[in-house]
């Protein structure tokens, strides 16, 4: 391998590591926030604070949604770390263009880098995408907030809201005890695959072909 090839190789690995490290930071922050959410949630319920627009409940809601948002972004960083490998030898402009092309489409990203998928992975990738593009990023009931605020402690009236079923479904993603660990498992597998690519001979083989 020539000096120029070795330089390109090391540069590609460094770029992939930058994406990976960003993903690792986001993942650790997401799981930390989730643990804090559990503490806040239990304390708020124990203290019997009923008003859902109180500062205490707003923190509970905020921690759960923020943890989900960051978890989604961490998966994107891990997958795009692999995208660097997939575009080894391309110019920075080409890599940037394809990053934007894939955007938050985690299913296409996973396929593009050869991520070994299992069972519900596509559904979970799609949900993580919704976190970062919609339901964990923006208010999901802003048009009904004033109505919701006035009846937040009345179960019968809540059920009559036009978007109640959607609200209930979305809430289960953030506050359920099963979904978040399942998504974390997928994130950890994406992380492991990113590390595998960085430490494998894939880059060196590609470098030898250029």
N, C-alpha and C. Protein backbone atom coordinates (compact mmCIF):
# COMPACT_ATOMS: atom_id res chain seq x y z
N UNK A 1 0.85 -1.20 0.00
CA UNK A 1 0.00 0.00 0.00
C UNK A 1 0.88 1.24 0.00
N UNK A 2 0.59 2.17 -0.89
CA UNK A 2 1.38 3.39 -0.99
C UNK A 2 1.08 4.31 0.20
N UNK A 3 1.93 5.33 0.37
CA UNK A 3 1.71 6.30 1.45
C UNK A 3 0.39 7.05 1.26
N UNK A 4 0.05 7.34 0.00
CA UNK A 4 -1.20 8.05 -0.29
C UNK A 4 -2.40 7.19 0.07
N UNK A 5 -2.33 5.90 -0.24
CA UNK A 5 -3.41 4.98 0.10
C UNK A 5 -3.56 4.85 1.61
N UNK A 6 -2.44 4.77 2.31
CA UNK A 6 -2.47 4.66 3.77
C UNK A 6 -3.07 5.91 4.40
N UNK A 7 -2.76 7.06 3.84
CA UNK A 7 -3.29 8.32 4.34
C UNK A 7 -4.80 8.37 4.15
N UNK A 8 -5.28 7.97 2.97
CA UNK A 8 -6.72 7.94 2.71
C UNK A 8 -7.42 6.96 3.65
N UNK A 9 -6.75 5.84 3.88
CA UNK A 9 -7.31 4.82 4.77
C UNK A 9 -7.49 5.37 6.17
N UNK A 10 -6.45 5.97 6.72
CA UNK A 10 -6.51 6.50 8.08
C UNK A 10 -7.53 7.63 8.20
N UNK A 11 -7.63 8.43 7.15
CA UNK A 11 -8.60 9.52 7.16
C UNK A 11 -10.03 8.99 7.18
N UNK A 12 -10.30 7.93 6.39
CA UNK A 12 -11.63 7.33 6.36
C UNK A 12 -11.99 6.76 7.73
N UNK A 13 -11.04 6.08 8.35
CA UNK A 13 -11.28 5.49 9.67
C UNK A 13 -11.58 6.58 10.70
N UNK A 14 -10.84 7.68 10.63
CA UNK A 14 -11.06 8.79 11.57
C UNK A 14 -12.45 9.38 11.41
N UNK A 15 -12.89 9.54 10.17
CA UNK A 15 -14.23 10.10 9.93
C UNK A 15 -15.29 9.15 10.48
N UNK A 16 -15.12 7.86 10.23
CA UNK A 16 -16.07 6.87 10.75
C UNK A 16 -16.10 6.90 12.28
N UNK A 17 -14.94 7.07 12.89
CA UNK A 17 -14.86 7.12 14.36
C UNK A 17 -15.56 8.35 14.91
N UNK A 18 -15.49 9.48 14.20
CA UNK A 18 -16.17 10.70 14.64
C UNK A 18 -17.67 10.47 14.71
N UNK A 19 -18.24 9.85 13.67
CA UNK A 19 -19.67 9.53 13.66
C UNK A 19 -20.01 8.55 14.79
N UNK A 20 -19.14 7.57 14.97
CA UNK A 20 -19.39 6.57 16.02
C UNK A 20 -19.39 7.21 17.41
N UNK A 21 -18.40 8.05 17.68
CA UNK A 21 -18.29 8.68 19.00
C UNK A 21 -19.50 9.56 19.28
N UNK A 22 -19.98 10.28 18.25
CA UNK A 22 -21.17 11.09 18.43
C UNK A 22 -22.37 10.21 18.79
N UNK A 23 -22.47 9.06 18.11
CA UNK A 23 -23.55 8.13 18.42
C UNK A 23 -23.45 7.59 19.83
N UNK A 24 -22.24 7.29 20.25
CA UNK A 24 -22.03 6.76 21.60
C UNK A 24 -22.43 7.80 22.65
N UNK A 25 -22.07 9.05 22.44
CA UNK A 25 -22.45 10.11 23.37
C UNK A 25 -23.97 10.25 23.46
N UNK A 26 -24.62 10.22 22.32
CA UNK A 26 -26.07 10.37 22.29
C UNK A 26 -26.75 9.17 22.96
N UNK A 27 -26.22 7.98 22.73
CA UNK A 27 -26.82 6.78 23.33
C UNK A 27 -26.69 6.81 24.85
N UNK A 28 -25.51 7.15 25.35
CA UNK A 28 -25.31 7.20 26.80
C UNK A 28 -26.20 8.27 27.44
N UNK A 29 -26.35 9.40 26.76
CA UNK A 29 -27.22 10.46 27.28
C UNK A 29 -28.68 10.01 27.28
N UNK A 30 -29.09 9.33 26.22
CA UNK A 30 -30.48 8.85 26.12
C UNK A 30 -30.80 7.87 27.25
N UNK A 31 -29.90 6.92 27.50
CA UNK A 31 -30.17 5.92 28.54
C UNK A 31 -30.10 6.55 29.94
N UNK A 32 -29.23 7.54 30.12
CA UNK A 32 -29.18 8.25 31.39
C UNK A 32 -30.48 9.00 31.64
N UNK A 33 -30.98 9.68 30.61
CA UNK A 33 -32.23 10.43 30.75
C UNK A 33 -33.40 9.49 31.03
N UNK A 34 -33.35 8.32 30.43
CA UNK A 34 -34.41 7.34 30.69
C UNK A 34 -34.41 6.91 32.15
N UNK A 35 -33.22 6.70 32.72
CA UNK A 35 -33.14 6.33 34.13
C UNK A 35 -33.63 7.46 35.02
N UNK A 36 -33.31 8.69 34.66
CA UNK A 36 -33.80 9.85 35.41
C UNK A 36 -35.32 9.96 35.30
N UNK A 37 -35.84 9.63 34.12
CA UNK A 37 -37.29 9.65 33.93
C UNK A 37 -37.98 8.69 34.89
N UNK A 38 -37.42 7.51 35.08
CA UNK A 38 -38.01 6.53 35.99
C UNK A 38 -38.10 7.09 37.41
N UNK A 39 -37.03 7.76 37.84
CA UNK A 39 -37.00 8.34 39.18
C UNK A 39 -38.04 9.45 39.31
N UNK A 40 -38.06 10.35 38.31
CA UNK A 40 -39.02 11.46 38.32
C UNK A 40 -40.46 10.96 38.26
N UNK A 41 -40.70 9.99 37.42
CA UNK A 41 -42.04 9.45 37.25
C UNK A 41 -42.56 8.85 38.56
N UNK A 42 -41.72 8.07 39.20
CA UNK A 42 -42.12 7.42 40.46
C UNK A 42 -42.37 8.46 41.55
N UNK A 43 -41.50 9.46 41.64
CA UNK A 43 -41.65 10.49 42.66
C UNK A 43 -42.91 11.32 42.44
N UNK A 44 -43.19 11.63 41.18
CA UNK A 44 -44.37 12.43 40.85
C UNK A 44 -45.66 11.68 41.18
N UNK A 45 -45.68 10.40 40.87
CA UNK A 45 -46.86 9.59 41.19
C UNK A 45 -46.99 9.39 42.70
N UNK A 46 -45.87 9.19 43.38
CA UNK A 46 -45.88 8.98 44.82
C UNK A 46 -46.40 10.21 45.55
N UNK A 47 -46.05 11.38 45.03
CA UNK A 47 -46.49 12.64 45.65
C UNK A 47 -47.91 13.03 45.22
N UNK A 48 -48.52 12.20 44.37
CA UNK A 48 -49.92 12.39 43.94
C UNK A 48 -50.16 13.76 43.31
N UNK A 49 -49.21 14.14 42.45
CA UNK A 49 -49.38 15.38 41.69
C UNK A 49 -50.25 15.07 40.48
N UNK A 50 -51.43 15.69 40.41
CA UNK A 50 -52.42 15.31 39.41
C UNK A 50 -52.41 16.17 38.16
N UNK A 51 -52.05 17.44 38.29
CA UNK A 51 -52.11 18.34 37.15
C UNK A 51 -51.02 18.00 36.14
N UNK A 52 -51.43 17.58 34.94
CA UNK A 52 -50.46 17.16 33.93
C UNK A 52 -49.67 18.32 33.33
N UNK A 53 -50.11 19.56 33.56
CA UNK A 53 -49.35 20.70 33.07
C UNK A 53 -48.50 21.33 34.19
N UNK A 54 -48.33 20.61 35.29
CA UNK A 54 -47.47 21.09 36.38
C UNK A 54 -46.01 20.91 35.98
N UNK A 55 -45.08 21.69 36.60
CA UNK A 55 -43.66 21.53 36.29
C UNK A 55 -43.15 20.11 36.49
N UNK A 56 -43.67 19.44 37.51
CA UNK A 56 -43.21 18.08 37.77
C UNK A 56 -43.55 17.13 36.62
N UNK A 57 -44.80 17.19 36.15
CA UNK A 57 -45.20 16.31 35.06
C UNK A 57 -44.55 16.71 33.74
N UNK A 58 -44.34 18.01 33.54
CA UNK A 58 -43.68 18.45 32.32
C UNK A 58 -42.26 17.90 32.24
N UNK A 59 -41.60 17.79 33.40
CA UNK A 59 -40.27 17.17 33.42
C UNK A 59 -40.36 15.69 33.06
N UNK A 60 -41.37 15.02 33.61
CA UNK A 60 -41.55 13.60 33.32
C UNK A 60 -41.75 13.40 31.82
N UNK A 61 -42.65 14.19 31.24
CA UNK A 61 -42.90 14.08 29.80
C UNK A 61 -41.64 14.42 29.00
N UNK A 62 -40.96 15.50 29.42
CA UNK A 62 -39.79 15.96 28.69
C UNK A 62 -38.65 14.96 28.69
N UNK A 63 -38.39 14.34 29.85
CA UNK A 63 -37.30 13.36 29.93
C UNK A 63 -37.59 12.16 29.05
N UNK A 64 -38.84 11.68 29.06
CA UNK A 64 -39.18 10.49 28.27
C UNK A 64 -39.05 10.77 26.77
N UNK A 65 -39.59 11.89 26.32
CA UNK A 65 -39.53 12.21 24.90
C UNK A 65 -38.11 12.54 24.46
N UNK A 66 -37.37 13.27 25.28
CA UNK A 66 -36.00 13.62 24.93
C UNK A 66 -35.11 12.39 24.84
N UNK A 67 -35.31 11.45 25.76
CA UNK A 67 -34.54 10.20 25.71
C UNK A 67 -34.81 9.46 24.41
N UNK A 68 -36.07 9.44 23.98
CA UNK A 68 -36.43 8.76 22.74
C UNK A 68 -35.82 9.47 21.53
N UNK A 69 -35.84 10.80 21.56
CA UNK A 69 -35.27 11.58 20.46
C UNK A 69 -33.77 11.31 20.33
N UNK A 70 -33.06 11.35 21.45
CA UNK A 70 -31.62 11.13 21.41
C UNK A 70 -31.27 9.70 21.03
N UNK A 71 -32.10 8.75 21.45
CA UNK A 71 -31.87 7.36 21.07
C UNK A 71 -31.97 7.21 19.55
N UNK A 72 -32.97 7.86 18.96
CA UNK A 72 -33.11 7.82 17.51
C UNK A 72 -31.90 8.41 16.80
N UNK A 73 -31.41 9.54 17.30
CA UNK A 73 -30.24 10.17 16.68
C UNK A 73 -28.99 9.31 16.85
N UNK A 74 -28.88 8.60 17.97
CA UNK A 74 -27.69 7.75 18.19
C UNK A 74 -27.63 6.65 17.14
N UNK A 75 -28.78 6.06 16.84
CA UNK A 75 -28.83 5.01 15.81
C UNK A 75 -28.41 5.59 14.46
N UNK A 76 -28.86 6.80 14.17
CA UNK A 76 -28.47 7.43 12.91
C UNK A 76 -26.96 7.62 12.82
N UNK A 77 -26.34 8.03 13.91
CA UNK A 77 -24.89 8.23 13.92
C UNK A 77 -24.14 6.92 13.70
N UNK A 78 -24.59 5.84 14.35
CA UNK A 78 -23.94 4.54 14.18
C UNK A 78 -24.05 4.06 12.73
N UNK A 79 -25.24 4.21 12.15
CA UNK A 79 -25.43 3.77 10.78
C UNK A 79 -24.62 4.61 9.80
N UNK A 80 -24.53 5.90 10.06
CA UNK A 80 -23.77 6.77 9.15
C UNK A 80 -22.27 6.61 9.33
N UNK A 81 -21.85 6.11 10.48
CA UNK A 81 -20.45 5.71 10.62
C UNK A 81 -20.13 4.61 9.61
N UNK A 82 -21.08 3.68 9.45
CA UNK A 82 -20.91 2.63 8.45
C UNK A 82 -20.99 3.16 7.03
N UNK A 83 -21.75 4.23 6.84
CA UNK A 83 -21.88 4.82 5.51
C UNK A 83 -20.53 5.36 5.02
N UNK A 84 -19.72 5.83 5.94
CA UNK A 84 -18.37 6.29 5.59
C UNK A 84 -17.59 5.13 4.98
N UNK A 85 -17.68 3.96 5.63
CA UNK A 85 -17.02 2.77 5.09
C UNK A 85 -17.55 2.43 3.70
N UNK A 86 -18.87 2.52 3.54
CA UNK A 86 -19.50 2.16 2.27
C UNK A 86 -19.10 3.09 1.14
N UNK A 87 -18.66 4.30 1.49
CA UNK A 87 -18.28 5.29 0.48
C UNK A 87 -16.79 5.58 0.51
N UNK A 88 -16.02 4.58 0.95
CA UNK A 88 -14.57 4.78 0.99
C UNK A 88 -14.04 5.11 -0.40
N UNK A 89 -13.19 6.13 -0.46
CA UNK A 89 -12.60 6.54 -1.73
C UNK A 89 -13.38 7.64 -2.41
N UNK A 90 -14.61 7.91 -1.93
CA UNK A 90 -15.41 9.00 -2.51
C UNK A 90 -14.91 10.34 -1.99
N UNK A 91 -15.23 11.39 -2.70
CA UNK A 91 -14.87 12.73 -2.25
C UNK A 91 -15.76 13.12 -1.07
N UNK A 92 -15.31 14.06 -0.22
CA UNK A 92 -16.16 14.54 0.89
C UNK A 92 -17.51 15.05 0.41
N UNK A 93 -17.53 15.69 -0.77
CA UNK A 93 -18.80 16.22 -1.30
C UNK A 93 -19.78 15.09 -1.61
N UNK A 94 -19.24 13.99 -2.17
CA UNK A 94 -20.10 12.84 -2.49
C UNK A 94 -20.66 12.22 -1.22
N UNK A 95 -19.81 12.07 -0.21
CA UNK A 95 -20.24 11.51 1.06
C UNK A 95 -21.32 12.38 1.69
N UNK A 96 -21.10 13.69 1.67
CA UNK A 96 -22.08 14.62 2.25
C UNK A 96 -23.40 14.56 1.48
N UNK A 97 -23.32 14.45 0.18
CA UNK A 97 -24.51 14.36 -0.66
C UNK A 97 -25.32 13.11 -0.32
N UNK A 98 -24.62 11.99 -0.13
CA UNK A 98 -25.32 10.74 0.17
C UNK A 98 -25.84 10.70 1.60
N UNK A 99 -25.14 11.38 2.52
CA UNK A 99 -25.67 11.52 3.88
C UNK A 99 -27.02 12.21 3.85
N UNK A 100 -27.11 13.27 3.05
CA UNK A 100 -28.36 14.01 2.93
C UNK A 100 -29.41 13.19 2.20
N UNK A 101 -28.96 12.39 1.23
CA UNK A 101 -29.89 11.55 0.46
C UNK A 101 -30.56 10.52 1.36
N UNK A 102 -29.77 9.87 2.21
CA UNK A 102 -30.34 8.87 3.13
C UNK A 102 -31.11 9.54 4.25
N UNK A 103 -30.65 10.74 4.64
CA UNK A 103 -31.30 11.52 5.69
C UNK A 103 -31.60 10.67 6.92
N UNK A 104 -32.89 10.55 7.30
CA UNK A 104 -33.26 9.77 8.48
C UNK A 104 -33.88 8.43 8.11
N UNK A 105 -33.62 7.97 6.89
CA UNK A 105 -34.20 6.69 6.45
C UNK A 105 -33.32 5.55 6.96
N UNK A 106 -33.59 5.12 8.17
CA UNK A 106 -32.73 4.13 8.82
C UNK A 106 -32.81 2.75 8.16
N UNK A 107 -33.94 2.44 7.57
CA UNK A 107 -34.06 1.15 6.88
C UNK A 107 -33.13 1.11 5.67
N UNK A 108 -33.11 2.18 4.89
CA UNK A 108 -32.22 2.24 3.74
C UNK A 108 -30.76 2.32 4.16
N UNK A 109 -30.49 3.05 5.23
CA UNK A 109 -29.12 3.14 5.74
C UNK A 109 -28.61 1.77 6.16
N UNK A 110 -29.44 1.04 6.91
CA UNK A 110 -29.04 -0.29 7.38
C UNK A 110 -28.77 -1.22 6.21
N UNK A 111 -29.64 -1.16 5.21
CA UNK A 111 -29.47 -2.00 4.03
C UNK A 111 -28.20 -1.61 3.27
N UNK A 112 -27.96 -0.30 3.18
CA UNK A 112 -26.82 0.20 2.42
C UNK A 112 -25.47 -0.21 2.99
N UNK A 113 -25.40 -0.42 4.31
CA UNK A 113 -24.12 -0.80 4.92
C UNK A 113 -24.06 -2.28 5.28
N UNK A 114 -25.11 -3.03 4.91
CA UNK A 114 -25.10 -4.47 5.17
C UNK A 114 -25.35 -4.86 6.60
N UNK A 115 -26.10 -4.03 7.33
CA UNK A 115 -26.39 -4.35 8.73
C UNK A 115 -27.24 -5.62 8.81
N UNK A 116 -26.85 -6.59 9.64
CA UNK A 116 -27.59 -7.85 9.75
C UNK A 116 -28.87 -7.68 10.57
N UNK A 117 -29.99 -7.55 9.89
CA UNK A 117 -31.25 -7.28 10.57
C UNK A 117 -31.91 -8.55 11.09
N UNK A 118 -32.77 -8.35 12.10
CA UNK A 118 -33.54 -9.43 12.70
C UNK A 118 -35.02 -9.04 12.74
N UNK A 119 -35.85 -10.00 13.09
CA UNK A 119 -37.29 -9.85 13.31
C UNK A 119 -37.93 -8.51 13.09
N UNK A 120 -38.08 -7.71 14.17
CA UNK A 120 -38.82 -6.45 14.13
C UNK A 120 -37.96 -5.24 13.82
N UNK A 121 -36.76 -5.45 13.32
CA UNK A 121 -35.84 -4.33 13.12
C UNK A 121 -36.42 -3.23 12.22
N UNK A 122 -37.03 -3.62 11.10
CA UNK A 122 -37.56 -2.60 10.19
C UNK A 122 -38.64 -1.75 10.88
N UNK A 123 -39.51 -2.38 11.65
CA UNK A 123 -40.55 -1.64 12.39
C UNK A 123 -39.91 -0.70 13.40
N UNK A 124 -38.88 -1.18 14.08
CA UNK A 124 -38.22 -0.34 15.08
C UNK A 124 -37.40 0.78 14.44
N UNK A 125 -36.78 0.49 13.30
CA UNK A 125 -36.09 1.56 12.57
C UNK A 125 -37.09 2.63 12.15
N UNK A 126 -38.26 2.20 11.70
CA UNK A 126 -39.30 3.15 11.28
C UNK A 126 -39.78 3.99 12.46
N UNK A 127 -39.91 3.38 13.64
CA UNK A 127 -40.34 4.11 14.83
C UNK A 127 -39.26 5.11 15.26
N UNK A 128 -38.01 4.70 15.23
CA UNK A 128 -36.91 5.61 15.59
C UNK A 128 -36.87 6.80 14.62
N UNK A 129 -37.17 6.53 13.37
CA UNK A 129 -37.24 7.61 12.39
C UNK A 129 -38.35 8.58 12.77
N UNK A 130 -39.49 8.06 13.19
CA UNK A 130 -40.60 8.93 13.61
C UNK A 130 -40.20 9.78 14.83
N UNK A 131 -39.39 9.21 15.71
CA UNK A 131 -38.94 9.97 16.87
C UNK A 131 -38.21 11.24 16.42
N UNK A 132 -37.26 11.08 15.48
CA UNK A 132 -36.40 12.22 15.12
C UNK A 132 -37.03 13.15 14.10
N UNK A 133 -38.06 12.71 13.41
CA UNK A 133 -38.69 13.57 12.40
C UNK A 133 -40.04 14.12 12.83
N UNK A 134 -40.60 13.56 13.91
CA UNK A 134 -41.98 13.93 14.22
C UNK A 134 -42.30 13.87 15.71
N UNK A 135 -42.68 12.70 16.20
CA UNK A 135 -43.38 12.62 17.48
C UNK A 135 -42.53 12.92 18.71
N UNK A 136 -41.20 12.75 18.64
CA UNK A 136 -40.37 13.12 19.78
C UNK A 136 -39.71 14.47 19.57
N UNK A 137 -39.92 15.02 18.40
CA UNK A 137 -39.26 16.28 18.04
C UNK A 137 -40.19 17.49 18.10
N UNK A 138 -41.45 17.27 17.71
CA UNK A 138 -42.43 18.35 17.66
C UNK A 138 -43.64 18.02 18.54
N UNK A 139 -44.38 19.05 18.97
CA UNK A 139 -45.61 18.79 19.74
C UNK A 139 -46.56 17.96 18.89
N UNK A 140 -47.07 16.87 19.44
CA UNK A 140 -47.92 15.99 18.64
C UNK A 140 -49.40 16.21 18.88
N UNK A 141 -49.74 17.24 19.66
CA UNK A 141 -51.17 17.54 19.84
C UNK A 141 -51.35 19.04 20.10
N UNK A 142 -50.54 19.85 19.44
CA UNK A 142 -50.57 21.28 19.70
C UNK A 142 -51.93 21.92 19.41
N UNK A 143 -52.65 21.37 18.40
CA UNK A 143 -53.94 21.96 18.07
C UNK A 143 -55.00 21.67 19.11
N UNK A 144 -54.74 20.67 19.96
CA UNK A 144 -55.72 20.30 20.98
C UNK A 144 -55.22 20.58 22.40
N UNK A 145 -54.12 21.30 22.51
CA UNK A 145 -53.52 21.43 23.85
C UNK A 145 -54.43 22.11 24.85
N UNK A 146 -55.07 23.19 24.47
CA UNK A 146 -55.93 23.90 25.42
C UNK A 146 -57.07 23.02 25.90
N UNK A 147 -57.66 22.25 24.96
CA UNK A 147 -58.72 21.31 25.36
C UNK A 147 -58.16 20.26 26.31
N UNK A 148 -56.97 19.75 25.96
CA UNK A 148 -56.34 18.71 26.78
C UNK A 148 -56.02 19.23 28.18
N UNK A 149 -55.53 20.45 28.22
CA UNK A 149 -55.14 21.05 29.50
C UNK A 149 -56.34 21.13 30.45
N UNK A 150 -57.50 21.45 29.91
CA UNK A 150 -58.67 21.61 30.76
C UNK A 150 -59.30 20.32 31.24
N UNK A 151 -59.00 19.20 30.57
CA UNK A 151 -59.66 17.94 30.94
C UNK A 151 -58.64 16.85 31.30
N UNK A 152 -57.39 17.27 31.58
CA UNK A 152 -56.31 16.30 31.77
C UNK A 152 -56.57 15.32 32.91
N UNK A 153 -57.46 15.66 33.83
CA UNK A 153 -57.74 14.76 34.96
C UNK A 153 -59.11 14.09 34.84
N UNK A 154 -59.70 14.21 33.66
CA UNK A 154 -61.02 13.61 33.44
C UNK A 154 -60.91 12.54 32.37
N UNK A 155 -60.84 11.27 32.79
CA UNK A 155 -60.60 10.16 31.87
C UNK A 155 -61.69 10.04 30.81
N UNK A 156 -62.94 10.24 31.20
CA UNK A 156 -64.05 10.11 30.25
C UNK A 156 -63.95 11.15 29.14
N UNK A 157 -63.65 12.39 29.50
CA UNK A 157 -63.54 13.44 28.50
C UNK A 157 -62.30 13.24 27.63
N UNK A 158 -61.22 12.76 28.24
CA UNK A 158 -60.00 12.50 27.47
C UNK A 158 -60.28 11.52 26.34
N UNK A 159 -61.03 10.49 26.64
CA UNK A 159 -61.31 9.45 25.65
C UNK A 159 -62.15 9.96 24.49
N UNK A 160 -62.81 11.09 24.68
CA UNK A 160 -63.65 11.65 23.63
C UNK A 160 -62.89 12.61 22.72
N UNK A 161 -61.63 12.87 23.05
CA UNK A 161 -60.84 13.76 22.20
C UNK A 161 -60.64 13.12 20.83
N UNK A 162 -60.66 13.92 19.74
CA UNK A 162 -60.54 13.38 18.38
C UNK A 162 -59.28 12.53 18.16
N UNK A 163 -58.17 12.91 18.78
CA UNK A 163 -56.92 12.18 18.55
C UNK A 163 -56.51 11.35 19.76
N UNK A 164 -57.48 10.95 20.58
CA UNK A 164 -57.17 10.24 21.81
C UNK A 164 -56.42 8.93 21.55
N UNK A 165 -56.88 8.13 20.59
CA UNK A 165 -56.25 6.83 20.34
C UNK A 165 -54.82 7.00 19.84
N UNK A 166 -54.60 8.01 18.98
CA UNK A 166 -53.25 8.27 18.50
C UNK A 166 -52.36 8.75 19.65
N UNK A 167 -52.92 9.61 20.50
CA UNK A 167 -52.17 10.09 21.67
C UNK A 167 -51.81 8.93 22.58
N UNK A 168 -52.74 8.04 22.79
CA UNK A 168 -52.51 6.87 23.65
C UNK A 168 -51.41 5.98 23.07
N UNK A 169 -51.44 5.78 21.75
CA UNK A 169 -50.44 4.95 21.09
C UNK A 169 -49.05 5.57 21.18
N UNK A 170 -48.97 6.87 20.90
CA UNK A 170 -47.70 7.57 20.96
C UNK A 170 -47.14 7.56 22.38
N UNK A 171 -48.01 7.79 23.35
CA UNK A 171 -47.59 7.79 24.75
C UNK A 171 -46.98 6.45 25.15
N UNK A 172 -47.52 5.35 24.60
CA UNK A 172 -47.01 4.03 24.94
C UNK A 172 -45.57 3.85 24.46
N UNK A 173 -45.20 4.54 23.35
CA UNK A 173 -43.83 4.46 22.86
C UNK A 173 -42.86 5.10 23.86
N UNK A 174 -43.28 6.22 24.45
CA UNK A 174 -42.40 6.96 25.34
C UNK A 174 -42.37 6.40 26.76
N UNK A 175 -43.53 5.98 27.25
CA UNK A 175 -43.65 5.65 28.67
C UNK A 175 -43.80 4.16 28.96
N UNK A 176 -43.90 3.35 27.91
CA UNK A 176 -44.01 1.91 28.12
C UNK A 176 -42.71 1.32 28.62
N UNK A 177 -42.81 0.22 29.33
CA UNK A 177 -41.62 -0.42 29.92
C UNK A 177 -40.93 -1.39 28.98
N UNK A 178 -41.58 -1.76 27.87
CA UNK A 178 -41.02 -2.78 26.99
C UNK A 178 -40.35 -2.20 25.74
N UNK A 179 -40.92 -1.18 25.15
CA UNK A 179 -40.43 -0.69 23.86
C UNK A 179 -39.05 -0.06 23.95
N UNK A 180 -38.80 0.77 24.96
CA UNK A 180 -37.51 1.46 25.04
C UNK A 180 -36.35 0.47 25.14
N UNK A 181 -36.41 -0.55 26.01
CA UNK A 181 -35.32 -1.54 26.05
C UNK A 181 -35.13 -2.26 24.71
N UNK A 182 -36.22 -2.51 24.01
CA UNK A 182 -36.12 -3.16 22.70
C UNK A 182 -35.38 -2.27 21.70
N UNK A 183 -35.69 -0.97 21.75
CA UNK A 183 -35.00 -0.02 20.87
C UNK A 183 -33.54 0.13 21.26
N UNK A 184 -33.26 0.08 22.55
CA UNK A 184 -31.87 0.15 23.02
C UNK A 184 -31.07 -1.04 22.51
N UNK A 185 -31.70 -2.20 22.50
CA UNK A 185 -31.03 -3.40 21.99
C UNK A 185 -30.64 -3.21 20.53
N UNK A 186 -31.55 -2.63 19.74
CA UNK A 186 -31.24 -2.37 18.34
C UNK A 186 -30.11 -1.36 18.22
N UNK A 187 -30.14 -0.31 19.04
CA UNK A 187 -29.07 0.70 19.02
C UNK A 187 -27.72 0.07 19.36
N UNK A 188 -27.71 -0.81 20.33
CA UNK A 188 -26.46 -1.47 20.72
C UNK A 188 -25.93 -2.37 19.62
N UNK A 189 -26.81 -3.00 18.88
CA UNK A 189 -26.38 -3.83 17.76
C UNK A 189 -25.83 -2.96 16.62
N UNK A 190 -26.45 -1.79 16.41
CA UNK A 190 -25.93 -0.85 15.40
C UNK A 190 -24.55 -0.35 15.81
N UNK A 191 -24.40 -0.08 17.09
CA UNK A 191 -23.10 0.37 17.60
C UNK A 191 -22.05 -0.72 17.40
N UNK A 192 -22.39 -1.94 17.76
CA UNK A 192 -21.44 -3.05 17.61
C UNK A 192 -21.04 -3.25 16.15
N UNK A 193 -22.01 -3.04 15.25
CA UNK A 193 -21.69 -3.22 13.83
C UNK A 193 -20.78 -2.10 13.34
N UNK A 194 -21.00 -0.89 13.83
CA UNK A 194 -20.13 0.23 13.47
C UNK A 194 -18.70 -0.04 13.93
N UNK A 195 -18.56 -0.55 15.15
CA UNK A 195 -17.22 -0.88 15.68
C UNK A 195 -16.59 -1.99 14.85
N UNK A 196 -17.41 -2.98 14.48
CA UNK A 196 -16.92 -4.09 13.65
C UNK A 196 -16.34 -3.57 12.34
N UNK A 197 -17.06 -2.64 11.70
CA UNK A 197 -16.58 -2.11 10.42
C UNK A 197 -15.28 -1.32 10.60
N UNK A 198 -15.23 -0.53 11.65
CA UNK A 198 -14.03 0.28 11.89
C UNK A 198 -12.81 -0.59 12.15
N UNK A 199 -13.00 -1.69 12.87
CA UNK A 199 -11.88 -2.55 13.27
C UNK A 199 -11.60 -3.69 12.29
N UNK A 200 -12.45 -3.85 11.29
CA UNK A 200 -12.27 -4.96 10.36
C UNK A 200 -11.24 -4.61 9.29
N UNK A 201 -11.03 -5.54 8.38
CA UNK A 201 -10.09 -5.31 7.28
C UNK A 201 -10.76 -4.71 6.06
N UNK A 202 -12.04 -4.35 6.20
CA UNK A 202 -12.78 -3.85 5.05
C UNK A 202 -12.11 -2.62 4.46
N UNK A 203 -11.75 -1.66 5.33
CA UNK A 203 -11.10 -0.45 4.83
C UNK A 203 -9.79 -0.76 4.14
N UNK A 204 -9.01 -1.62 4.77
CA UNK A 204 -7.68 -1.94 4.20
C UNK A 204 -7.80 -2.62 2.83
N UNK A 205 -8.80 -3.51 2.71
CA UNK A 205 -9.02 -4.17 1.42
C UNK A 205 -9.43 -3.17 0.36
N UNK A 206 -10.32 -2.25 0.75
CA UNK A 206 -10.75 -1.23 -0.23
C UNK A 206 -9.60 -0.32 -0.59
N UNK A 207 -8.78 0.02 0.39
CA UNK A 207 -7.65 0.90 0.14
C UNK A 207 -6.69 0.26 -0.85
N UNK A 208 -6.52 -1.05 -0.74
CA UNK A 208 -5.62 -1.77 -1.64
C UNK A 208 -6.12 -1.83 -3.06
N UNK A 209 -7.40 -1.52 -3.25
CA UNK A 209 -7.99 -1.59 -4.58
C UNK A 209 -7.98 -0.22 -5.28
N UNK A 210 -7.57 0.81 -4.54
CA UNK A 210 -7.61 2.16 -5.11
C UNK A 210 -6.23 2.60 -5.54
